[in-house]
C-alpha atoms as a PDB file:
ATOM      1  CA  MET A   1      -0.186   0.230   0.148  1.00  0.00           C
ATOM      2  CA  THR A   2       2.959   2.487   0.860  1.00  0.00           C
ATOM      3  CA  ARG A   3       4.396   1.626  -2.734  1.00  0.00           C
ATOM      4  CA  LEU A   4       1.024   2.221  -4.070  1.00  0.00           C
ATOM      5  CA  LEU A   5       0.616   5.589  -2.379  1.00  0.00           C
ATOM      6  CA  LEU A   6       3.993   6.874  -3.532  1.00  0.00           C
ATOM      7  CA  LEU A   7       3.564   5.995  -7.010  1.00  0.00           C
ATOM      8  CA  LEU A   8       0.473   7.880  -7.130  1.00  0.00           C
ATOM      9  CA  GLY A   9       2.285  10.889  -4.909  1.00  0.00           C
ATOM     10  CA  MET A  10       4.916  10.944  -8.176  1.00  0.00           C
ATOM     11  CA  ILE A  11       2.190  11.096 -10.618  1.00  0.00           C
ATOM     12  CA  ALA A  12       0.065  13.520  -9.339  1.00  0.00           C
ATOM     13  CA  GLY A  13       2.814  16.065  -8.246  1.00  0.00           C
ATOM     14  CA  GLY A  14       4.009  15.396 -12.064  1.00  0.00           C
ATOM     15  CA  LEU A  15       0.925  16.498 -13.676  1.00  0.00           C
ATOM     16  CA  LEU A  16       0.530  19.154 -11.312  1.00  0.00           C
ATOM     17  CA  LEU A  17       3.628  20.548 -11.903  1.00  0.00           C
ATOM     18  CA  LEU A  18       2.806  20.263 -15.568  1.00  0.00           C
ATOM     19  CA  PHE A  19      -0.365  22.213 -15.314  1.00  0.00           C
ATOM     20  CA  ILE A  20       1.492  24.835 -13.473  1.00  0.00           C
ATOM     21  CA  ASN A  21       3.669  25.529 -16.066  1.00  0.00           C
ATOM     22  CA  HIS A  22       2.126  24.830 -19.048  1.00  0.00           C
ATOM     23  CA  SER A  23       1.939  28.186 -20.012  1.00  0.00           C
ATOM     24  CA  GLY A  24       5.373  28.541 -19.785  1.00  0.00           C
ATOM     25  CA  GLY A  25       6.598  25.142 -21.938  1.00  0.00           C
ATOM     26  CA  GLN A  26       9.183  23.823 -19.294  1.00  0.00           C
ATOM     27  CA  SER A  27       9.193  22.232 -15.988  1.00  0.00           C
ATOM     28  CA  PHE A  28      12.468  21.647 -14.387  1.00  0.00           C
ATOM     29  CA  GLY A  29      14.492  23.006 -17.650  1.00  0.00           C
ATOM     30  CA  LEU A  30      12.845  20.098 -19.619  1.00  0.00           C
ATOM     31  CA  ARG A  31       9.897  20.950 -22.489  1.00  0.00           C
ATOM     32  CA  ASN A  32       6.865  19.678 -20.889  1.00  0.00           C
ATOM     33  CA  GLU A  33       6.520  16.717 -23.659  1.00  0.00           C
ATOM     34  CA  ASP A  34       9.848  15.389 -22.107  1.00  0.00           C
ATOM     35  CA  PHE A  35       8.953  15.902 -18.642  1.00  0.00           C
ATOM     36  CA  ALA A  36       5.250  14.040 -19.234  1.00  0.00           C
ATOM     37  CA  ARG A  37       7.346  11.275 -20.608  1.00  0.00           C
ATOM     38  CA  LEU A  38       9.521  11.794 -17.425  1.00  0.00           C
ATOM     39  CA  VAL A  39       6.119  11.356 -15.383  1.00  0.00           C
ATOM     40  CA  TYR A  40       5.089   8.195 -16.667  1.00  0.00           C
ATOM     41  CA  LEU A  41       8.686   6.422 -16.958  1.00  0.00           C
ATOM     42  CA  LEU A  42       9.721   7.181 -13.251  1.00  0.00           C
ATOM     43  CA  PRO A  43       7.125   5.705 -11.315  1.00  0.00           C
ATOM     44  CA  LEU A  44       6.916   2.409 -13.626  1.00  0.00           C
ATOM     45  CA  ALA A  45      10.951   1.951 -13.294  1.00  0.00           C
ATOM     46  CA  THR A  46      10.197   2.279  -9.038  1.00  0.00           C
ATOM     47  CA  LEU A  47       7.658  -0.069  -9.702  1.00  0.00           C
ATOM     48  CA  ILE A  48       9.666  -2.622 -11.409  1.00  0.00           C
ATOM     49  CA  GLY A  49      12.473  -2.041  -9.373  1.00  0.00           C
ATOM     50  CA  THR A  50      10.364  -2.605  -6.105  1.00  0.00           C
ATOM     51  CA  GLY A  51       8.647  -4.962  -7.084  1.00  0.00           C
ATOM     52  CA  ILE A  52      11.696  -7.207  -8.224  1.00  0.00           C
ATOM     53  CA  LEU A  53      13.394  -6.246  -4.787  1.00  0.00           C
ATOM     54  CA  ALA A  54      10.172  -6.957  -2.745  1.00  0.00           C
ATOM     55  CA  SER A  55       9.523 -10.733  -3.767  1.00  0.00           C
ATOM     56  CA  ARG A  56      10.458 -12.775  -6.783  1.00  0.00           C
ATOM     57  CA  ARG A  57       8.378 -15.323  -5.315  1.00  0.00           C
ATOM     58  CA  HIS A  58       5.279 -12.816  -6.267  1.00  0.00           C
ATOM     59  CA  LEU A  59       6.406 -11.830  -9.589  1.00  0.00           C
ATOM     60  CA  GLY A  60       3.133 -12.585 -11.186  1.00  0.00           C
ATOM     61  CA  ARG A  61       1.158 -10.349  -8.564  1.00  0.00           C
ATOM     62  CA  ASN A  62       3.695  -7.741  -9.214  1.00  0.00           C
ATOM     63  CA  LEU A  63       3.461  -7.695 -12.839  1.00  0.00           C
ATOM     64  CA  ALA A  64      -0.704  -7.386 -12.444  1.00  0.00           C
ATOM     65  CA  PHE A  65       0.152  -4.123 -10.269  1.00  0.00           C
ATOM     66  CA  LEU A  66       3.169  -2.961 -13.003  1.00  0.00           C
ATOM     67  CA  LEU A  67       0.137  -3.358 -15.861  1.00  0.00           C
ATOM     68  CA  ALA A  68      -2.489  -1.548 -13.583  1.00  0.00           C
ATOM     69  CA  TRP A  69      -0.651   1.440 -12.833  1.00  0.00           C
ATOM     70  CA  ALA A  70       0.998   1.537 -16.617  1.00  0.00           C
ATOM     71  CA  ALA A  71      -2.583   1.893 -18.024  1.00  0.00           C
ATOM     72  CA  ILE A  72      -3.449   4.167 -15.233  1.00  0.00           C
ATOM     73  CA  ALA A  73      -0.537   6.281 -16.152  1.00  0.00           C
ATOM     74  CA  ALA A  74      -1.122   5.846 -19.883  1.00  0.00           C
ATOM     75  CA  LEU A  75      -4.689   7.362 -19.172  1.00  0.00           C
ATOM     76  CA  ILE A  76      -3.196  10.319 -17.109  1.00  0.00           C
ATOM     77  CA  ILE A  77      -0.658  11.385 -19.317  1.00  0.00           C
ATOM     78  CA  GLY A  78      -2.709  10.710 -22.547  1.00  0.00           C
ATOM     79  CA  ILE A  79      -5.684  13.021 -21.032  1.00  0.00           C
ATOM     80  CA  TYR A  80      -3.164  15.536 -20.698  1.00  0.00           C
ATOM     81  CA  VAL A  81      -1.491  15.644 -24.210  1.00  0.00           C
ATOM     82  CA  TYR A  82      -4.724  15.563 -25.512  1.00  0.00           C
ATOM     83  CA  LYS A  83      -6.718  17.710 -23.427  1.00  0.00           C
ATOM     84  CA  ASP A  84      -7.219  20.186 -26.242  1.00  0.00           C
ATOM     85  CA  ASP A  85      -8.484  17.785 -28.644  1.00  0.00           C
ATOM     86  CA  ALA A  86     -11.028  16.557 -25.617  1.00  0.00           C
ATOM     87  CA  THR A  87     -12.109  19.988 -24.947  1.00  0.00           C
ATOM     88  CA  ARG A  88     -13.009  20.595 -28.589  1.00  0.00           C
ATOM     89  CA  ILE A  89     -15.027  17.462 -28.373  1.00  0.00           C
ATOM     90  CA  ALA A  90     -16.805  18.189 -25.416  1.00  0.00           C
ATOM     91  CA  HIS A  91     -17.629  21.680 -26.554  1.00  0.00           C
ATOM     92  CA  ARG A  92     -18.994  19.834 -29.844  1.00  0.00           C
ATOM     93  CA  MET A  93     -21.139  17.329 -27.680  1.00  0.00           C
ATOM     94  CA  VAL A  94     -22.556  20.645 -25.675  1.00  0.00           C
ATOM     95  CA  ALA A  95     -23.272  22.446 -28.674  1.00  0.00           C
ATOM     96  CA  GLU A  96     -25.200  19.240 -30.513  1.00  0.00           C
ATOM     97  CA  LEU A  97     -27.109  18.524 -27.148  1.00  0.00           C
ATOM     98  CA  VAL A  98     -28.311  21.710 -26.162  1.00  0.00           C
ATOM     99  CA  PRO A  99     -29.690  23.732 -29.173  1.00  0.00           C
ATOM    100  CA  GLY A 100     -28.508  27.550 -28.956  1.00  0.00           C
ATOM    101  CA  HIS A 101     -26.012  27.374 -26.605  1.00  0.00           C
ATOM    102  CA  PRO A 102     -22.977  29.298 -28.141  1.00  0.00           C
ATOM    103  CA  VAL A 103     -19.575  26.788 -27.785  1.00  0.00           C
ATOM    104  CA  VAL A 104     -16.632  29.078 -27.491  1.00  0.00           C
ATOM    105  CA  LEU A 105     -13.693  27.577 -29.770  1.00  0.00           C
ATOM    106  CA  THR A 106      -9.997  28.389 -30.401  1.00  0.00           C
ATOM    107  CA  GLY A 107      -9.300  28.690 -33.981  1.00  0.00           C
ATOM    108  CA  LEU A 108      -5.896  27.620 -35.618  1.00  0.00           C
ATOM    109  CA  ASN A 109      -4.452  31.212 -35.536  1.00  0.00           C
ATOM    110  CA  GLY A 110      -5.488  31.806 -31.877  1.00  0.00           C
ATOM    111  CA  GLU A 111      -8.512  33.715 -32.716  1.00  0.00           C
ATOM    112  CA  THR A 112     -11.875  33.288 -30.607  1.00  0.00           C
ATOM    113  CA  GLU A 113     -14.543  31.855 -32.833  1.00  0.00           C
ATOM    114  CA  VAL A 114     -18.183  31.233 -31.363  1.00  0.00           C
ATOM    115  CA  LEU A 115     -19.728  27.777 -32.990  1.00  0.00           C
ATOM    116  CA  LEU A 116     -23.708  27.377 -33.336  1.00  0.00           C
ATOM    117  CA  ARG A 117     -25.133  24.112 -34.809  1.00  0.00           C
ATOM    118  CA  LYS A 118     -28.491  24.189 -36.926  1.00  0.00           C
ATOM    119  CA  THR A 119     -31.174  22.742 -35.213  1.00  0.00           C
ATOM    120  CA  GLN A 120     -33.299  19.995 -36.707  1.00  0.00           C
ATOM    121  CA  ASP A 121     -35.596  22.424 -38.398  1.00  0.00           C
ATOM    122  CA  GLY A 122     -32.606  23.768 -40.277  1.00  0.00           C
ATOM    123  CA  HIS A 123     -31.981  26.897 -38.723  1.00  0.00           C
ATOM    124  CA  PHE A 124     -29.346  28.678 -36.326  1.00  0.00           C
ATOM    125  CA  THR A 125     -30.283  29.749 -33.337  1.00  0.00           C
ATOM    126  CA  VAL A 126     -28.344  31.102 -30.258  1.00  0.00           C
ATOM    127  CA  ASN A 127     -29.275  31.602 -26.389  1.00  0.00           C
ATOM    128  CA  ALA A 128     -27.854  35.507 -26.440  1.00  0.00           C
ATOM    129  CA  LYS A 129     -27.601  37.931 -23.729  1.00  0.00           C
ATOM    130  CA  ILE A 130     -29.213  40.779 -23.932  1.00  0.00           C
ATOM    131  CA  ASP A 131     -29.045  43.527 -20.971  1.00  0.00           C
ATOM    132  CA  GLY A 132     -28.250  40.296 -18.559  1.00  0.00           C
ATOM    133  CA  HIS A 133     -31.288  38.338 -19.642  1.00  0.00           C
ATOM    134  CA  THR A 134     -30.793  35.330 -21.435  1.00  0.00           C
ATOM    135  CA  VAL A 135     -32.797  35.632 -25.136  1.00  0.00           C
ATOM    136  CA  GLY A 136     -33.472  32.734 -27.464  1.00  0.00           C
ATOM    137  CA  MET A 137     -32.688  34.057 -30.904  1.00  0.00           C
ATOM    138  CA  LEU A 138     -32.664  33.402 -34.450  1.00  0.00           C
ATOM    139  CA  VAL A 139     -29.863  34.135 -36.831  1.00  0.00           C
ATOM    140  CA  ASP A 140     -31.760  36.130 -39.489  1.00  0.00           C
ATOM    141  CA  THR A 141     -29.513  37.271 -42.318  1.00  0.00           C
ATOM    142  CA  GLY A 142     -32.573  38.836 -43.903  1.00  0.00           C
ATOM    143  CA  ALA A 143     -33.633  40.982 -40.956  1.00  0.00           C
ATOM    144  CA  THR A 144     -31.758  44.462 -40.921  1.00  0.00           C
ATOM    145  CA  GLU A 145     -31.507  44.865 -37.699  1.00  0.00           C
ATOM    146  CA  VAL A 146     -32.322  42.929 -33.972  1.00  0.00           C
ATOM    147  CA  THR A 147     -35.761  42.534 -33.728  1.00  0.00           C
ATOM    148  CA  LEU A 148     -37.124  41.565 -30.409  1.00  0.00           C
ATOM    149  CA  THR A 149     -40.590  39.796 -29.442  1.00  0.00           C
ATOM    150  CA  TRP A 150     -43.256  41.862 -27.272  1.00  0.00           C
ATOM    151  CA  GLN A 151     -42.335  38.979 -24.766  1.00  0.00           C
ATOM    152  CA  ASP A 152     -38.531  38.875 -25.165  1.00  0.00           C
ATOM    153  CA  ALA A 153     -38.633  42.987 -25.068  1.00  0.00           C
ATOM    154  CA  LYS A 154     -40.955  43.615 -21.336  1.00  0.00           C
ATOM    155  CA  MET A 155     -38.748  40.228 -20.012  1.00  0.00           C
ATOM    156  CA  ILE A 156     -35.501  42.314 -20.604  1.00  0.00           C
ATOM    157  CA  GLY A 157     -37.034  45.540 -19.053  1.00  0.00           C
ATOM    158  CA  ILE A 158     -38.621  47.407 -21.647  1.00  0.00           C
ATOM    159  CA  ASP A 159     -42.194  48.536 -21.480  1.00  0.00           C
ATOM    160  CA  PRO A 160     -43.839  47.092 -24.589  1.00  0.00           C
ATOM    161  CA  GLN A 161     -47.035  49.076 -24.387  1.00  0.00           C
ATOM    162  CA  ALA A 162     -45.054  52.506 -24.169  1.00  0.00           C
ATOM    163  CA  LEU A 163     -43.605  51.945 -27.528  1.00  0.00           C
ATOM    164  CA  ASP A 164     -44.786  53.833 -30.636  1.00  0.00           C
ATOM    165  CA  TYR A 165     -45.196  50.667 -33.614  1.00  0.00           C
ATOM    166  CA  SER A 166     -44.691  52.884 -36.551  1.00  0.00           C
ATOM    167  CA  VAL A 167     -41.903  51.379 -38.861  1.00  0.00           C
ATOM    168  CA  GLN A 168     -43.540  48.181 -40.885  1.00  0.00           C
ATOM    169  CA  VAL A 169     -41.608  45.197 -41.467  1.00  0.00           C
ATOM    170  CA  THR A 170     -41.794  41.683 -43.169  1.00  0.00           C
ATOM    171  CA  THR A 171     -41.693  38.552 -40.974  1.00  0.00           C
ATOM    172  CA  ALA A 172     -42.360  35.014 -41.628  1.00  0.00           C
ATOM    173  CA  ASN A 173     -45.774  35.448 -40.302  1.00  0.00           C
ATOM    174  CA  GLY A 174     -46.425  38.456 -42.593  1.00  0.00           C
ATOM    175  CA  THR A 175     -46.118  42.069 -42.092  1.00  0.00           C
ATOM    176  CA  ALA A 176     -45.981  43.797 -38.909  1.00  0.00           C
ATOM    177  CA  GLN A 177     -45.413  46.961 -37.209  1.00  0.00           C
ATOM    178  CA  THR A 178     -42.295  47.712 -35.385  1.00  0.00           C
ATOM    179  CA  ALA A 179     -41.208  49.901 -32.633  1.00  0.00           C
ATOM    180  CA  PRO A 180     -37.402  51.093 -32.644  1.00  0.00           C
ATOM    181  CA  VAL A 181     -35.482  50.771 -29.030  1.00  0.00           C
ATOM    182  CA  GLN A 182     -31.635  50.846 -28.125  1.00  0.00           C
ATOM    183  CA  ILE A 183     -30.141  48.022 -26.586  1.00  0.00           C
ATOM    184  CA  LYS A 184     -27.340  48.371 -24.299  1.00  0.00           C
ATOM    185  CA  GLU A 185     -25.689  45.064 -24.572  1.00  0.00           C
ATOM    186  CA  ILE A 186     -25.925  42.078 -26.727  1.00  0.00           C
ATOM    187  CA  ALA A 187     -23.129  39.302 -25.637  1.00  0.00           C
ATOM    188  CA  ILE A 188     -23.090  36.128 -27.458  1.00  0.00           C
ATOM    189  CA  GLY A 189     -20.296  34.310 -25.574  1.00  0.00           C
ATOM    190  CA  PRO A 190     -16.870  36.349 -25.649  1.00  0.00           C
ATOM    191  CA  ILE A 191     -18.650  38.604 -28.595  1.00  0.00           C
ATOM    192  CA  VAL A 192     -20.065  41.618 -27.098  1.00  0.00           C
ATOM    193  CA  ARG A 193     -21.853  44.604 -28.816  1.00  0.00           C
ATOM    194  CA  ARG A 194     -23.403  47.757 -26.973  1.00  0.00           C
ATOM    195  CA  ASN A 195     -25.739  50.254 -27.641  1.00  0.00           C
ATOM    196  CA  VAL A 196     -27.285  48.328 -30.652  1.00  0.00           C
ATOM    197  CA  ARG A 197     -30.166  49.657 -32.655  1.00  0.00           C
ATOM    198  CA  ALA A 198     -33.301  47.443 -32.272  1.00  0.00           C
ATOM    199  CA  SER A 199     -36.812  47.044 -32.912  1.00  0.00           C
ATOM    200  CA  VAL A 200     -39.648  45.430 -31.059  1.00  0.00           C
ATOM    201  CA  ALA A 201     -42.027  43.717 -32.875  1.00  0.00           C
ATOM    202  CA  GLU A 202     -46.194  43.963 -32.157  1.00  0.00           C
ATOM    203  CA  LYS A 203     -47.185  41.572 -29.393  1.00  0.00           C
ATOM    204  CA  GLY A 204     -48.058  38.197 -31.168  1.00  0.00           C
ATOM    205  CA  LYS A 205     -46.490  38.943 -34.826  1.00  0.00           C
ATOM    206  CA  LEU A 206     -43.081  37.333 -34.023  1.00  0.00           C
ATOM    207  CA  ASP A 207     -42.628  33.825 -33.361  1.00  0.00           C
ATOM    208  CA  ALA A 208     -38.649  34.489 -32.038  1.00  0.00           C
ATOM    209  CA  SER A 209     -36.707  37.143 -31.602  1.00  0.00           C
ATOM    210  CA  LEU A 210     -34.071  37.607 -34.463  1.00  0.00           C
ATOM    211  CA  LEU A 211     -30.630  38.329 -34.401  1.00  0.00           C
ATOM    212  CA  GLY A 212     -30.006  40.796 -37.845  1.00  0.00           C
ATOM    213  CA  MET A 213     -27.367  42.119 -39.988  1.00  0.00           C
ATOM    214  CA  ASN A 214     -26.679  45.320 -37.787  1.00  0.00           C
ATOM    215  CA  PHE A 215     -25.142  42.908 -35.451  1.00  0.00           C
ATOM    216  CA  LEU A 216     -23.384  40.378 -37.825  1.00  0.00           C
ATOM    217  CA  SER A 217     -22.219  43.061 -39.847  1.00  0.00           C
ATOM    218  CA  THR A 218     -19.986  43.858 -36.963  1.00  0.00           C
ATOM    219  CA  LEU A 219     -18.354  40.454 -36.908  1.00  0.00           C
ATOM    220  CA  SER A 220     -14.845  39.813 -38.632  1.00  0.00           C
ATOM    221  CA  ALA A 221     -16.361  37.008 -40.217  1.00  0.00           C
ATOM    222  CA  VAL A 222     -19.317  34.680 -40.295  1.00  0.00           C
ATOM    223  CA  ARG A 223     -18.297  31.205 -41.615  1.00  0.00           C
ATOM    224  CA  MET A 224     -20.706  28.730 -42.855  1.00  0.00           C
ATOM    225  CA  GLU A 225     -19.810  25.141 -42.701  1.00  0.00           C
ATOM    226  CA  PRO A 226     -22.390  21.980 -43.065  1.00  0.00           C
ATOM    227  CA  GLY A 227     -24.696  21.932 -40.241  1.00  0.00           C
ATOM    228  CA  GLU A 228     -22.518  24.614 -38.241  1.00  0.00           C
ATOM    229  CA  MET A 229     -21.711  28.540 -38.207  1.00  0.00           C
ATOM    230  CA  ARG A 230     -19.024  29.997 -36.685  1.00  0.00           C
ATOM    231  CA  LEU A 231     -19.030  34.061 -35.702  1.00  0.00           C
ATOM    232  CA  MET A 232     -15.580  35.453 -35.391  1.00  0.00           C
ATOM    233  CA  ASP A 233     -14.898  38.745 -33.111  1.00  0.00           C
END
């Protein structure tokens, strides 16, 4: 048991140093990749040596312990080495399982991207933060500006009954009157825009709030791929 605790401590200590020095790229003068191999090999060497010295009669049992710890060490090192790939896979799973959830990724050149997955009805939706409130929105490149439903406007603190519905627009439900408003802040993951021009549709005239072109046009790029959309600040 003492030997097992010692090995576990060696592996845990080595991994802790790797995570602490991840940004620096080195641990004890070694590249993190080389230090990770050392963390993997040193406990194995210790286990082999102590097992042989402890008892040659129980070599089979010690070999079983060796293989078990080798598998555990390989798994832990593998998680560390491929943590970025594992994170991307986890993010994609979240995007697939939680429609509208904006998944933040890092692009090939280090830029921040927000990934949206297409829903079963063929649309892209996103849960945006508007003035601190979560609002489910439909990404609509055909909409000139951000447009809120009556209910969403009321939820974020706008009094829809006090607005002047003087602008006529065309929606999926036909024509509707909208009222101009100013939104203090819209955030989609790390992408934040302030003082955004928007409008509020008459009650019952819009099924979902729209993320229109006056927001999308402020992005550096909007890239469409099969089944997904990427927004780049």
